[in-house]
């Protein structure tokens, strides 16, 4: 027996009568809704990936632009050569990924805790002001920060007032990396602040009332109530943020272009990540096959990290 709803093309099976059989027409409608996403993924992700995989096994470049040959794994052997640029670039890529994630998420959560404090007056005004960087284009903000970090810029001027010599923020390795981390924090903290505020406001007030009755101080309240709820809300975001920062080439290229050079005569810069170096291989060194191989390596790193993190944390597991 099958009970039909008001929509003639949706059928609802009665348990115990039809054995829970799913209507085929309903399944076809579901696949029809998924069709645009499937086609888009096929055109813009799957086919380009396999084409990039093919190019990574060729010698396509400036010298072999019109006629290039299949060279197998030669580009990958060059990447993993211990004397090459892969290891130092990968080292900074991982440092950039973890430091950016910790600083960005930590800064956003810290501001969320401050703005959620019941004793803070005019909280809505502060929230509006602090979320403004989120409303401006990133390319504009990065150019503003490039001016701030200029040798003759306002930051060095302020430092000179307290007796600190001018710093070549974008011309030396360590200051350039610090400048990247500061700029990245400015671009991303509003998002994590907003997420943190939403998570904090979702915590049941009854838990804090019980803690007050028990005479708990601020630290037990944070450790046993606030932090577990925050961690549950931001764990999936931590995983996606790590993957995003591993692949974040735009901000680095706009602010430092991967410079300064790691050492005199080096083809890679001190702030180059795997993605920015792959970009340089296309537009500066003109080695398209090697750049494609780097792109495949980046994809494998990110895919492996996301799969392992999701399995270990269960962040993307469907809840009943």
C-alpha atoms as a PDB file:
ATOM      1  CA  UNK A   1       0.000   0.000   0.000  1.00  0.00           C
ATOM      2  CA  UNK A   2       1.319   3.480  -0.900  1.00  0.00           C
ATOM      3  CA  UNK A   3      -0.048   6.726   0.488  1.00  0.00           C
ATOM      4  CA  UNK A   4       0.226   9.638  -1.941  1.00  0.00           C
ATOM      5  CA  UNK A   5       0.810  13.163  -0.647  1.00  0.00           C
ATOM      6  CA  UNK A   6      -0.583  16.332  -2.181  1.00  0.00           C
ATOM      7  CA  UNK A   7       2.227  16.437  -4.725  1.00  0.00           C
ATOM      8  CA  UNK A   8       1.455  13.659  -7.227  1.00  0.00           C
ATOM      9  CA  UNK A   9       5.126  12.917  -7.905  1.00  0.00           C
ATOM     10  CA  UNK A  10       6.096  12.349  -4.223  1.00  0.00           C
ATOM     11  CA  UNK A  11       5.162   9.054  -2.670  1.00  0.00           C
ATOM     12  CA  UNK A  12       5.457   8.084   0.961  1.00  0.00           C
ATOM     13  CA  UNK A  13       5.772   4.415   1.777  1.00  0.00           C
ATOM     14  CA  UNK A  14       3.892   3.169   4.847  1.00  0.00           C
ATOM     15  CA  UNK A  15       6.278   1.160   7.093  1.00  0.00           C
ATOM     16  CA  UNK A  16       5.359  -2.487   7.365  1.00  0.00           C
ATOM     17  CA  UNK A  17       3.184  -2.426   4.249  1.00  0.00           C
ATOM     18  CA  UNK A  18       5.508  -1.783   1.330  1.00  0.00           C
ATOM     19  CA  UNK A  19       8.789  -2.719   3.025  1.00  0.00           C
ATOM     20  CA  UNK A  20      10.108   0.864   2.928  1.00  0.00           C
ATOM     21  CA  UNK A  21      10.539   0.981  -0.852  1.00  0.00           C
ATOM     22  CA  UNK A  22      11.705   4.378  -2.061  1.00  0.00           C
ATOM     23  CA  UNK A  23       9.862   5.775  -5.044  1.00  0.00           C
ATOM     24  CA  UNK A  24      12.086   5.876  -8.113  1.00  0.00           C
ATOM     25  CA  UNK A  25      10.565   9.142  -9.296  1.00  0.00           C
ATOM     26  CA  UNK A  26      11.574  10.850  -6.043  1.00  0.00           C
ATOM     27  CA  UNK A  27      15.140   9.627  -6.511  1.00  0.00           C
ATOM     28  CA  UNK A  28      15.196  10.980 -10.062  1.00  0.00           C
ATOM     29  CA  UNK A  29      14.056  14.398  -8.802  1.00  0.00           C
ATOM     30  CA  UNK A  30      16.830  14.386  -6.176  1.00  0.00           C
ATOM     31  CA  UNK A  31      19.459  13.616  -8.827  1.00  0.00           C
ATOM     32  CA  UNK A  32      17.990  16.356 -10.992  1.00  0.00           C
ATOM     33  CA  UNK A  33      18.631  18.893  -8.226  1.00  0.00           C
ATOM     34  CA  UNK A  34      22.217  17.624  -7.911  1.00  0.00           C
ATOM     35  CA  UNK A  35      22.836  17.780 -11.657  1.00  0.00           C
ATOM     36  CA  UNK A  36      24.086  21.431 -11.794  1.00  0.00           C
ATOM     37  CA  UNK A  37      26.637  20.745  -9.077  1.00  0.00           C
ATOM     38  CA  UNK A  38      27.770  17.516 -10.755  1.00  0.00           C
ATOM     39  CA  UNK A  39      28.185  19.205 -14.133  1.00  0.00           C
ATOM     40  CA  UNK A  40      30.016  22.168 -12.587  1.00  0.00           C
ATOM     41  CA  UNK A  41      32.368  19.877 -10.672  1.00  0.00           C
ATOM     42  CA  UNK A  42      33.047  17.894 -13.814  1.00  0.00           C
ATOM     43  CA  UNK A  43      33.799  20.953 -15.966  1.00  0.00           C
ATOM     44  CA  UNK A  44      35.656  23.136 -13.478  1.00  0.00           C
ATOM     45  CA  UNK A  45      37.346  20.595 -11.174  1.00  0.00           C
ATOM     46  CA  UNK A  46      37.594  17.005 -12.389  1.00  0.00           C
ATOM     47  CA  UNK A  47      38.508  17.555 -16.055  1.00  0.00           C
ATOM     48  CA  UNK A  48      41.033  20.358 -15.275  1.00  0.00           C
ATOM     49  CA  UNK A  49      42.635  18.177 -12.600  1.00  0.00           C
ATOM     50  CA  UNK A  50      43.249  15.273 -14.967  1.00  0.00           C
ATOM     51  CA  UNK A  51      44.501  17.666 -17.641  1.00  0.00           C
ATOM     52  CA  UNK A  52      46.900  19.194 -15.085  1.00  0.00           C
ATOM     53  CA  UNK A  53      47.989  15.685 -14.130  1.00  0.00           C
ATOM     54  CA  UNK A  54      48.782  15.002 -17.778  1.00  0.00           C
ATOM     55  CA  UNK A  55      50.692  18.282 -18.173  1.00  0.00           C
ATOM     56  CA  UNK A  56      52.738  17.468 -15.074  1.00  0.00           C
ATOM     57  CA  UNK A  57      54.208  14.533 -16.998  1.00  0.00           C
ATOM     58  CA  UNK A  58      55.322  16.634 -19.966  1.00  0.00           C
ATOM     59  CA  UNK A  59      58.174  19.063 -20.649  1.00  0.00           C
ATOM     60  CA  UNK A  60      55.802  21.861 -21.684  1.00  0.00           C
ATOM     61  CA  UNK A  61      57.480  25.210 -21.191  1.00  0.00           C
ATOM     62  CA  UNK A  62      58.943  28.211 -22.965  1.00  0.00           C
ATOM     63  CA  UNK A  63      61.421  26.071 -24.915  1.00  0.00           C
ATOM     64  CA  UNK A  64      58.804  23.451 -25.764  1.00  0.00           C
ATOM     65  CA  UNK A  65      55.719  25.613 -26.101  1.00  0.00           C
ATOM     66  CA  UNK A  66      54.225  24.334 -29.363  1.00  0.00           C
ATOM     67  CA  UNK A  67      55.658  20.819 -29.329  1.00  0.00           C
ATOM     68  CA  UNK A  68      56.135  19.166 -25.958  1.00  0.00           C
ATOM     69  CA  UNK A  69      56.811  15.555 -25.045  1.00  0.00           C
ATOM     70  CA  UNK A  70      55.710  13.094 -22.412  1.00  0.00           C
ATOM     71  CA  UNK A  71      58.522  12.749 -19.846  1.00  0.00           C
ATOM     72  CA  UNK A  72      56.844  10.579 -17.226  1.00  0.00           C
ATOM     73  CA  UNK A  73      57.778  11.336 -13.621  1.00  0.00           C
ATOM     74  CA  UNK A  74      60.783  13.507 -14.430  1.00  0.00           C
ATOM     75  CA  UNK A  75      59.135  16.663 -13.065  1.00  0.00           C
ATOM     76  CA  UNK A  76      58.259  14.908  -9.810  1.00  0.00           C
ATOM     77  CA  UNK A  77      61.815  13.639  -9.475  1.00  0.00           C
ATOM     78  CA  UNK A  78      63.011  17.207  -9.848  1.00  0.00           C
ATOM     79  CA  UNK A  79      60.572  18.404  -7.178  1.00  0.00           C
ATOM     80  CA  UNK A  80      61.669  15.839  -4.601  1.00  0.00           C
ATOM     81  CA  UNK A  81      65.370  16.338  -5.254  1.00  0.00           C
ATOM     82  CA  UNK A  82      66.866  16.923  -1.805  1.00  0.00           C
ATOM     83  CA  UNK A  83      69.066  19.722  -3.085  1.00  0.00           C
ATOM     84  CA  UNK A  84      66.187  21.623  -4.670  1.00  0.00           C
ATOM     85  CA  UNK A  85      63.748  24.247  -3.499  1.00  0.00           C
ATOM     86  CA  UNK A  86      60.945  21.896  -2.430  1.00  0.00           C
ATOM     87  CA  UNK A  87      62.035  21.248   1.171  1.00  0.00           C
ATOM     88  CA  UNK A  88      62.642  24.901   2.250  1.00  0.00           C
ATOM     89  CA  UNK A  89      59.479  26.077   0.494  1.00  0.00           C
ATOM     90  CA  UNK A  90      57.456  23.248   2.059  1.00  0.00           C
ATOM     91  CA  UNK A  91      58.886  24.083   5.492  1.00  0.00           C
ATOM     92  CA  UNK A  92      57.645  27.679   5.297  1.00  0.00           C
ATOM     93  CA  UNK A  93      54.338  26.506   3.791  1.00  0.00           C
ATOM     94  CA  UNK A  94      53.611  24.380   6.869  1.00  0.00           C
ATOM     95  CA  UNK A  95      54.787  27.133   9.213  1.00  0.00           C
ATOM     96  CA  UNK A  96      52.558  29.634   7.409  1.00  0.00           C
ATOM     97  CA  UNK A  97      49.591  27.264   7.532  1.00  0.00           C
ATOM     98  CA  UNK A  98      49.785  26.538  11.268  1.00  0.00           C
ATOM     99  CA  UNK A  99      50.799  30.021  12.435  1.00  0.00           C
ATOM    100  CA  UNK A 100      48.118  31.730  10.351  1.00  0.00           C
ATOM    101  CA  UNK A 101      45.430  29.367  11.594  1.00  0.00           C
ATOM    102  CA  UNK A 102      46.384  29.691  15.259  1.00  0.00           C
ATOM    103  CA  UNK A 103      46.717  33.487  15.111  1.00  0.00           C
ATOM    104  CA  UNK A 104      43.571  34.058  13.038  1.00  0.00           C
ATOM    105  CA  UNK A 105      41.308  31.729  14.990  1.00  0.00           C
ATOM    106  CA  UNK A 106      42.808  32.722  18.342  1.00  0.00           C
ATOM    107  CA  UNK A 107      42.441  36.429  17.600  1.00  0.00           C
ATOM    108  CA  UNK A 108      38.850  36.036  16.473  1.00  0.00           C
ATOM    109  CA  UNK A 109      37.890  33.934  19.491  1.00  0.00           C
ATOM    110  CA  UNK A 110      39.593  36.383  21.885  1.00  0.00           C
ATOM    111  CA  UNK A 111      37.594  39.299  20.475  1.00  0.00           C
ATOM    112  CA  UNK A 112      34.420  37.213  20.602  1.00  0.00           C
ATOM    113  CA  UNK A 113      34.979  36.518  24.306  1.00  0.00           C
ATOM    114  CA  UNK A 114      35.536  40.209  24.982  1.00  0.00           C
ATOM    115  CA  UNK A 115      32.456  41.302  23.052  1.00  0.00           C
ATOM    116  CA  UNK A 116      30.327  38.637  24.722  1.00  0.00           C
ATOM    117  CA  UNK A 117      31.196  39.847  28.225  1.00  0.00           C
ATOM    118  CA  UNK A 118      27.994  41.068  29.897  1.00  0.00           C
ATOM    119  CA  UNK A 119      29.817  43.939  31.593  1.00  0.00           C
ATOM    120  CA  UNK A 120      30.945  45.529  28.329  1.00  0.00           C
ATOM    121  CA  UNK A 121      28.847  48.551  27.452  1.00  0.00           C
ATOM    122  CA  UNK A 122      27.922  49.537  23.879  1.00  0.00           C
ATOM    123  CA  UNK A 123      28.864  46.085  22.596  1.00  0.00           C
ATOM    124  CA  UNK A 124      26.903  46.493  19.380  1.00  0.00           C
ATOM    125  CA  UNK A 125      28.959  49.559  18.423  1.00  0.00           C
ATOM    126  CA  UNK A 126      32.213  47.685  18.942  1.00  0.00           C
ATOM    127  CA  UNK A 127      30.939  44.719  16.947  1.00  0.00           C
ATOM    128  CA  UNK A 128      30.032  46.970  14.045  1.00  0.00           C
ATOM    129  CA  UNK A 129      33.430  48.659  14.053  1.00  0.00           C
ATOM    130  CA  UNK A 130      35.390  45.413  14.337  1.00  0.00           C
ATOM    131  CA  UNK A 131      33.522  43.757  11.479  1.00  0.00           C
ATOM    132  CA  UNK A 132      34.305  46.592   9.032  1.00  0.00           C
ATOM    133  CA  UNK A 133      37.466  44.944   7.557  1.00  0.00           C
ATOM    134  CA  UNK A 134      35.226  42.097   6.431  1.00  0.00           C
ATOM    135  CA  UNK A 135      33.176  44.517   4.325  1.00  0.00           C
ATOM    136  CA  UNK A 136      36.142  45.909   2.362  1.00  0.00           C
ATOM    137  CA  UNK A 137      37.815  44.220  -0.634  1.00  0.00           C
ATOM    138  CA  UNK A 138      40.891  42.214   0.337  1.00  0.00           C
ATOM    139  CA  UNK A 139      42.962  43.629  -2.499  1.00  0.00           C
ATOM    140  CA  UNK A 140      42.345  47.150  -1.168  1.00  0.00           C
ATOM    141  CA  UNK A 141      43.245  46.200   2.404  1.00  0.00           C
ATOM    142  CA  UNK A 142      46.422  44.428   1.293  1.00  0.00           C
ATOM    143  CA  UNK A 143      47.570  47.510  -0.600  1.00  0.00           C
ATOM    144  CA  UNK A 144      46.875  49.632   2.489  1.00  0.00           C
ATOM    145  CA  UNK A 145      48.991  47.284   4.608  1.00  0.00           C
ATOM    146  CA  UNK A 146      51.738  47.383   1.960  1.00  0.00           C
ATOM    147  CA  UNK A 147      51.856  51.149   2.493  1.00  0.00           C
ATOM    148  CA  UNK A 148      51.885  50.719   6.272  1.00  0.00           C
ATOM    149  CA  UNK A 149      54.843  48.312   6.038  1.00  0.00           C
ATOM    150  CA  UNK A 150      56.747  50.583   3.658  1.00  0.00           C
ATOM    151  CA  UNK A 151      60.190  51.612   4.901  1.00  0.00           C
ATOM    152  CA  UNK A 152      58.986  55.217   5.062  1.00  0.00           C
ATOM    153  CA  UNK A 153      55.514  54.197   6.198  1.00  0.00           C
ATOM    154  CA  UNK A 154      53.578  55.087   9.353  1.00  0.00           C
ATOM    155  CA  UNK A 155      54.554  51.921  11.239  1.00  0.00           C
ATOM    156  CA  UNK A 156      58.267  52.703  11.083  1.00  0.00           C
ATOM    157  CA  UNK A 157      57.483  56.307  11.959  1.00  0.00           C
ATOM    158  CA  UNK A 158      55.713  55.190  15.134  1.00  0.00           C
ATOM    159  CA  UNK A 159      58.571  52.823  15.989  1.00  0.00           C
ATOM    160  CA  UNK A 160      61.078  55.649  15.600  1.00  0.00           C
ATOM    161  CA  UNK A 161      59.232  57.613  18.308  1.00  0.00           C
ATOM    162  CA  UNK A 162      60.029  54.863  20.845  1.00  0.00           C
ATOM    163  CA  UNK A 163      63.657  54.527  19.778  1.00  0.00           C
ATOM    164  CA  UNK A 164      63.374  51.519  17.450  1.00  0.00           C
ATOM    165  CA  UNK A 165      65.308  51.702  14.188  1.00  0.00           C
ATOM    166  CA  UNK A 166      63.447  51.452  10.900  1.00  0.00           C
ATOM    167  CA  UNK A 167      62.631  47.900   9.860  1.00  0.00           C
ATOM    168  CA  UNK A 168      62.716  46.726   6.247  1.00  0.00           C
ATOM    169  CA  UNK A 169      59.393  44.942   6.601  1.00  0.00           C
ATOM    170  CA  UNK A 170      59.099  43.686   3.024  1.00  0.00           C
ATOM    171  CA  UNK A 171      62.795  43.378   2.162  1.00  0.00           C
ATOM    172  CA  UNK A 172      64.029  40.986   4.863  1.00  0.00           C
ATOM    173  CA  UNK A 173      62.873  37.428   5.463  1.00  0.00           C
ATOM    174  CA  UNK A 174      61.708  37.492   9.098  1.00  0.00           C
ATOM    175  CA  UNK A 175      59.978  40.918   9.006  1.00  0.00           C
ATOM    176  CA  UNK A 176      58.290  40.004   5.703  1.00  0.00           C
ATOM    177  CA  UNK A 177      56.891  36.826   7.223  1.00  0.00           C
ATOM    178  CA  UNK A 178      55.684  38.751  10.265  1.00  0.00           C
ATOM    179  CA  UNK A 179      54.035  41.313   7.972  1.00  0.00           C
ATOM    180  CA  UNK A 180      52.196  38.522   6.174  1.00  0.00           C
ATOM    181  CA  UNK A 181      50.884  37.071   9.430  1.00  0.00           C
ATOM    182  CA  UNK A 182      49.708  40.484  10.673  1.00  0.00           C
ATOM    183  CA  UNK A 183      47.957  41.313   7.402  1.00  0.00           C
ATOM    184  CA  UNK A 184      46.333  37.891   7.247  1.00  0.00           C
ATOM    185  CA  UNK A 185      45.017  38.341  10.782  1.00  0.00           C
ATOM    186  CA  UNK A 186      43.424  41.658   9.809  1.00  0.00           C
ATOM    187  CA  UNK A 187      41.704  40.050   6.824  1.00  0.00           C
ATOM    188  CA  UNK A 188      40.296  37.022   8.636  1.00  0.00           C
ATOM    189  CA  UNK A 189      39.612  37.870  12.291  1.00  0.00           C
ATOM    190  CA  UNK A 190      36.091  39.318  11.613  1.00  0.00           C
ATOM    191  CA  UNK A 191      34.887  35.952  10.314  1.00  0.00           C
ATOM    192  CA  UNK A 192      36.109  33.977  13.324  1.00  0.00           C
ATOM    193  CA  UNK A 193      34.922  36.695  15.690  1.00  0.00           C
ATOM    194  CA  UNK A 194      31.422  36.408  14.227  1.00  0.00           C
ATOM    195  CA  UNK A 195      31.456  32.607  14.426  1.00  0.00           C
ATOM    196  CA  UNK A 196      32.728  32.760  17.992  1.00  0.00           C
ATOM    197  CA  UNK A 197      29.991  35.190  19.021  1.00  0.00           C
ATOM    198  CA  UNK A 198      27.348  32.925  17.528  1.00  0.00           C
ATOM    199  CA  UNK A 199      28.767  29.902  19.352  1.00  0.00           C
ATOM    200  CA  UNK A 200      28.992  31.768  22.663  1.00  0.00           C
ATOM    201  CA  UNK A 201      25.420  33.008  22.451  1.00  0.00           C
ATOM    202  CA  UNK A 202      24.238  29.458  21.767  1.00  0.00           C
ATOM    203  CA  UNK A 203      25.595  28.195  25.102  1.00  0.00           C
ATOM    204  CA  UNK A 204      22.696  27.595  27.538  1.00  0.00           C
ATOM    205  CA  UNK A 205      22.656  30.244  30.270  1.00  0.00           C
ATOM    206  CA  UNK A 206      21.549  27.585  32.779  1.00  0.00           C
ATOM    207  CA  UNK A 207      25.059  26.122  32.792  1.00  0.00           C
ATOM    208  CA  UNK A 208      26.581  29.393  33.952  1.00  0.00           C
ATOM    209  CA  UNK A 209      23.877  29.823  36.581  1.00  0.00           C
ATOM    210  CA  UNK A 210      24.694  26.393  38.016  1.00  0.00           C
ATOM    211  CA  UNK A 211      28.394  27.280  37.999  1.00  0.00           C
ATOM    212  CA  UNK A 212      27.638  30.500  39.878  1.00  0.00           C
ATOM    213  CA  UNK A 213      25.702  28.551  42.501  1.00  0.00           C
ATOM    214  CA  UNK A 214      28.717  26.285  42.950  1.00  0.00           C
ATOM    215  CA  UNK A 215      30.939  29.315  43.413  1.00  0.00           C
ATOM    216  CA  UNK A 216      33.028  28.629  40.300  1.00  0.00           C
ATOM    217  CA  UNK A 217      35.532  31.281  39.271  1.00  0.00           C
ATOM    218  CA  UNK A 218      36.100  32.478  35.703  1.00  0.00           C
ATOM    219  CA  UNK A 219      38.671  29.790  34.867  1.00  0.00           C
ATOM    220  CA  UNK A 220      36.508  26.703  35.698  1.00  0.00           C
ATOM    221  CA  UNK A 221      33.612  28.375  33.867  1.00  0.00           C
ATOM    222  CA  UNK A 222      35.766  28.868  30.786  1.00  0.00           C
ATOM    223  CA  UNK A 223      37.438  25.459  30.968  1.00  0.00           C
ATOM    224  CA  UNK A 224      34.346  23.333  31.619  1.00  0.00           C
ATOM    225  CA  UNK A 225      31.609  25.291  29.812  1.00  0.00           C
ATOM    226  CA  UNK A 226      32.815  27.913  27.348  1.00  0.00           C
ATOM    227  CA  UNK A 227      35.817  26.167  25.807  1.00  0.00           C
ATOM    228  CA  UNK A 228      34.118  22.806  25.044  1.00  0.00           C
ATOM    229  CA  UNK A 229      31.244  24.565  23.263  1.00  0.00           C
ATOM    230  CA  UNK A 230      33.627  26.809  21.333  1.00  0.00           C
ATOM    231  CA  UNK A 231      35.822  23.876  20.341  1.00  0.00           C
ATOM    232  CA  UNK A 232      32.881  21.929  18.998  1.00  0.00           C
ATOM    233  CA  UNK A 233      31.822  24.900  16.893  1.00  0.00           C
ATOM    234  CA  UNK A 234      35.232  25.798  15.448  1.00  0.00           C
ATOM    235  CA  UNK A 235      36.801  22.351  14.882  1.00  0.00           C
ATOM    236  CA  UNK A 236      35.409  22.021  11.330  1.00  0.00           C
ATOM    237  CA  UNK A 237      36.518  25.610  10.683  1.00  0.00           C
ATOM    238  CA  UNK A 238      40.022  24.816  11.926  1.00  0.00           C
ATOM    239  CA  UNK A 239      40.338  22.025   9.386  1.00  0.00           C
ATOM    240  CA  UNK A 240      39.088  24.129   6.490  1.00  0.00           C
ATOM    241  CA  UNK A 241      41.215  27.101   7.615  1.00  0.00           C
ATOM    242  CA  UNK A 242      44.369  24.968   7.642  1.00  0.00           C
ATOM    243  CA  UNK A 243      43.636  23.741   4.134  1.00  0.00           C
ATOM    244  CA  UNK A 244      42.814  27.263   2.940  1.00  0.00           C
ATOM    245  CA  UNK A 245      46.008  28.772   4.341  1.00  0.00           C
ATOM    246  CA  UNK A 246      48.100  25.987   2.795  1.00  0.00           C
ATOM    247  CA  UNK A 247      46.674  27.059  -0.557  1.00  0.00           C
ATOM    248  CA  UNK A 248      46.504  30.816   0.130  1.00  0.00           C
ATOM    249  CA  UNK A 249      48.605  32.310  -2.661  1.00  0.00           C
ATOM    250  CA  UNK A 250      46.705  35.532  -3.383  1.00  0.00           C
ATOM    251  CA  UNK A 251      47.515  37.438  -0.222  1.00  0.00           C
ATOM    252  CA  UNK A 252      51.194  36.463  -0.248  1.00  0.00           C
ATOM    253  CA  UNK A 253      51.635  37.399  -3.886  1.00  0.00           C
ATOM    254  CA  UNK A 254      49.875  40.748  -3.497  1.00  0.00           C
ATOM    255  CA  UNK A 255      51.902  41.791  -0.436  1.00  0.00           C
ATOM    256  CA  UNK A 256      55.409  40.343  -0.957  1.00  0.00           C
ATOM    257  CA  UNK A 257      55.332  38.502  -4.320  1.00  0.00           C
ATOM    258  CA  UNK A 258      57.109  35.712  -2.421  1.00  0.00           C
ATOM    259  CA  UNK A 259      60.108  37.999  -1.836  1.00  0.00           C
ATOM    260  CA  UNK A 260      62.726  38.623  -0.589  1.00  0.00           C
ATOM    261  CA  UNK A 261      64.932  35.993  -2.227  1.00  0.00           C
ATOM    262  CA  UNK A 262      65.850  33.146   0.083  1.00  0.00           C
ATOM    263  CA  UNK A 263      69.514  33.737  -0.759  1.00  0.00           C
ATOM    264  CA  UNK A 264      71.368  35.530  -3.548  1.00  0.00           C
ATOM    265  CA  UNK A 265      70.570  33.843  -6.841  1.00  0.00           C
ATOM    266  CA  UNK A 266      67.714  31.732  -5.459  1.00  0.00           C
ATOM    267  CA  UNK A 267      64.725  31.073  -7.703  1.00  0.00           C
ATOM    268  CA  UNK A 268      62.345  31.048  -4.744  1.00  0.00           C
ATOM    269  CA  UNK A 269      61.647  33.637  -2.088  1.00  0.00           C
ATOM    270  CA  UNK A 270      61.685  33.503   1.693  1.00  0.00           C
ATOM    271  CA  UNK A 271      57.894  33.985   1.788  1.00  0.00           C
ATOM    272  CA  UNK A 272      57.100  31.649  -1.104  1.00  0.00           C
ATOM    273  CA  UNK A 273      54.706  28.796  -0.405  1.00  0.00           C
ATOM    274  CA  UNK A 274      54.160  25.861  -2.728  1.00  0.00           C
ATOM    275  CA  UNK A 275      51.302  27.642  -4.476  1.00  0.00           C
ATOM    276  CA  UNK A 276      53.114  30.958  -4.985  1.00  0.00           C
ATOM    277  CA  UNK A 277      56.181  29.140  -6.250  1.00  0.00           C
ATOM    278  CA  UNK A 278      54.028  27.175  -8.699  1.00  0.00           C
ATOM    279  CA  UNK A 279      52.662  30.530  -9.874  1.00  0.00           C
ATOM    280  CA  UNK A 280      56.212  31.833 -10.371  1.00  0.00           C
ATOM    281  CA  UNK A 281      57.088  28.777 -12.424  1.00  0.00           C
ATOM    282  CA  UNK A 282      54.338  29.783 -14.877  1.00  0.00           C
ATOM    283  CA  UNK A 283      54.818  33.540 -15.192  1.00  0.00           C
ATOM    284  CA  UNK A 284      58.508  34.022 -14.390  1.00  0.00           C
ATOM    285  CA  UNK A 285      60.384  30.786 -15.123  1.00  0.00           C
ATOM    286  CA  UNK A 286      57.896  29.628 -17.807  1.00  0.00           C
ATOM    287  CA  UNK A 287      58.145  25.943 -16.867  1.00  0.00           C
ATOM    288  CA  UNK A 288      54.512  24.905 -17.215  1.00  0.00           C
ATOM    289  CA  UNK A 289      55.045  21.166 -16.788  1.00  0.00           C
ATOM    290  CA  UNK A 290      56.920  21.599 -13.508  1.00  0.00           C
ATOM    291  CA  UNK A 291      54.297  24.067 -12.285  1.00  0.00           C
ATOM    292  CA  UNK A 292      51.570  21.516 -13.037  1.00  0.00           C
ATOM    293  CA  UNK A 293      53.507  18.924 -11.035  1.00  0.00           C
ATOM    294  CA  UNK A 294      53.672  21.320  -8.072  1.00  0.00           C
ATOM    295  CA  UNK A 295      49.908  21.856  -8.383  1.00  0.00           C
ATOM    296  CA  UNK A 296      49.295  18.111  -8.183  1.00  0.00           C
ATOM    297  CA  UNK A 297      51.549  17.850  -5.121  1.00  0.00           C
ATOM    298  CA  UNK A 298      49.642  20.685  -3.419  1.00  0.00           C
ATOM    299  CA  UNK A 299      46.348  18.959  -4.181  1.00  0.00           C
ATOM    300  CA  UNK A 300      47.587  15.668  -2.719  1.00  0.00           C
ATOM    301  CA  UNK A 301      48.783  17.400   0.465  1.00  0.00           C
ATOM    302  CA  UNK A 302      45.488  19.202   0.997  1.00  0.00           C
ATOM    303  CA  UNK A 303      43.293  16.206   0.139  1.00  0.00           C
ATOM    304  CA  UNK A 304      45.261  13.902   2.446  1.00  0.00           C
ATOM    305  CA  UNK A 305      45.160  16.417   5.287  1.00  0.00           C
ATOM    306  CA  UNK A 306      41.412  17.011   5.008  1.00  0.00           C
ATOM    307  CA  UNK A 307      40.553  13.309   4.817  1.00  0.00           C
ATOM    308  CA  UNK A 308      42.753  12.361   7.782  1.00  0.00           C
ATOM    309  CA  UNK A 309      41.570  15.300   9.891  1.00  0.00           C
ATOM    310  CA  UNK A 310      37.922  14.596   9.165  1.00  0.00           C
ATOM    311  CA  UNK A 311      38.321  10.935  10.113  1.00  0.00           C
ATOM    312  CA  UNK A 312      40.268  11.630  13.304  1.00  0.00           C
ATOM    313  CA  UNK A 313      38.012  14.412  14.570  1.00  0.00           C
ATOM    314  CA  UNK A 314      34.689  13.241  13.108  1.00  0.00           C
ATOM    315  CA  UNK A 315      33.977  16.886  12.267  1.00  0.00           C
ATOM    316  CA  UNK A 316      32.064  16.140   9.072  1.00  0.00           C
ATOM    317  CA  UNK A 317      30.268  13.053  10.344  1.00  0.00           C
ATOM    318  CA  UNK A 318      26.516  13.201   9.890  1.00  0.00           C
ATOM    319  CA  UNK A 319      24.584  13.307  13.154  1.00  0.00           C
ATOM    320  CA  UNK A 320      21.327  11.394  13.629  1.00  0.00           C
END
